[in-house]
Amino acid sequence: MEEGPDAYRILRLRAEILELGSAIRQLQRAGLDDAAAQLLIGRKRAQLDHLVKMNSAGSEPDTPGIRRS
């Protein structure tokens, strides 16, 4: 994987998703409500998918207020 801010963000999101998955399993084993964690993991997965697609397409993310030349 190439180095750079996007590569770092991809790795960070993957790590967060793994941690959330572990937390969800722990909540389920304890019989507690895991709805908030499920929602958060869904959002993180969507962010990861979006970032990976943009990275593989070679496009730059939209950053308001920054002009591209």
Protein backbone atom coordinates (compact mmCIF):
# COMPACT_ATOMS: atom_id res chain seq x y z
CA MET A 1 0.00 0.00 0.00
CA GLU A 2 1.32 3.43 -0.86
CA GLU A 3 2.25 5.81 1.89
CA GLY A 4 0.46 9.07 2.49
CA PRO A 5 -2.45 10.58 4.34
CA ASP A 6 -5.04 8.38 2.62
CA ALA A 7 -3.08 5.20 3.31
CA TYR A 8 -2.80 6.18 6.96
CA ARG A 9 -6.54 6.95 7.17
CA ILE A 10 -7.35 3.58 5.57
CA LEU A 11 -5.18 1.74 8.09
CA ARG A 12 -6.65 3.74 10.98
CA LEU A 13 -10.23 3.03 9.87
CA ARG A 14 -9.49 -0.69 9.53
CA ALA A 15 -8.07 -0.73 13.06
CA GLU A 16 -11.11 1.14 14.42
CA ILE A 17 -13.44 -1.32 12.70
CA LEU A 18 -11.60 -4.27 14.26
CA GLU A 19 -11.84 -2.67 17.70
CA LEU A 20 -15.55 -1.98 17.25
CA GLY A 21 -16.14 -5.56 16.13
CA SER A 22 -14.48 -6.79 19.30
CA ALA A 23 -16.54 -4.39 21.43
CA ILE A 24 -19.75 -5.54 19.75
CA ARG A 25 -18.93 -9.20 20.47
CA GLN A 26 -18.23 -8.35 24.11
CA LEU A 27 -21.52 -6.45 24.42
CA GLN A 28 -23.42 -9.33 22.84
CA ARG A 29 -21.81 -11.89 25.18
CA ALA A 30 -22.78 -9.72 28.14
CA GLY A 31 -26.34 -9.43 26.84
CA LEU A 32 -26.09 -5.67 26.50
CA ASP A 33 -27.44 -3.39 23.78
CA ASP A 34 -24.98 -3.04 20.92
CA ALA A 35 -27.09 -0.82 18.63
CA ALA A 36 -24.89 2.26 18.99
CA ALA A 37 -21.73 0.26 18.28
CA GLN A 38 -23.42 -1.40 15.27
CA LEU A 39 -24.35 2.01 13.89
CA LEU A 40 -20.84 3.34 14.41
CA ILE A 41 -19.22 0.32 12.75
CA GLY A 42 -21.55 0.76 9.78
CA ARG A 43 -20.48 4.38 9.42
CA LYS A 44 -16.80 3.47 9.69
CA ARG A 45 -17.20 0.77 7.02
CA ALA A 46 -18.90 3.28 4.71
CA GLN A 47 -16.06 5.77 5.28
CA LEU A 48 -13.52 3.05 4.54
CA ASP A 49 -15.32 1.95 1.36
CA HIS A 50 -15.52 5.54 0.15
CA LEU A 51 -11.86 6.23 0.88
CA VAL A 52 -10.68 3.01 -0.77
CA LYS A 53 -12.78 3.69 -3.89
CA MET A 54 -11.49 7.24 -4.17
CA ASN A 55 -7.92 6.08 -3.61
CA SER A 56 -8.16 3.33 -6.22
CA ALA A 57 -9.77 5.69 -8.74
CA GLY A 58 -6.91 8.13 -8.26
CA SER A 59 -9.21 11.03 -7.49
CA GLU A 60 -8.68 13.46 -4.68
CA PRO A 61 -11.26 13.94 -1.93
CA ASP A 62 -13.34 17.08 -2.00
CA THR A 63 -11.89 19.61 0.39
CA PRO A 64 -13.95 22.79 0.70
CA GLY A 65 -12.00 25.99 0.35
CA ILE A 66 -9.02 24.45 -1.41
CA ARG A 67 -8.52 25.13 -5.09
CA ARG A 68 -6.98 22.54 -7.33
CA SER A 69 -4.93 23.67 -10.32
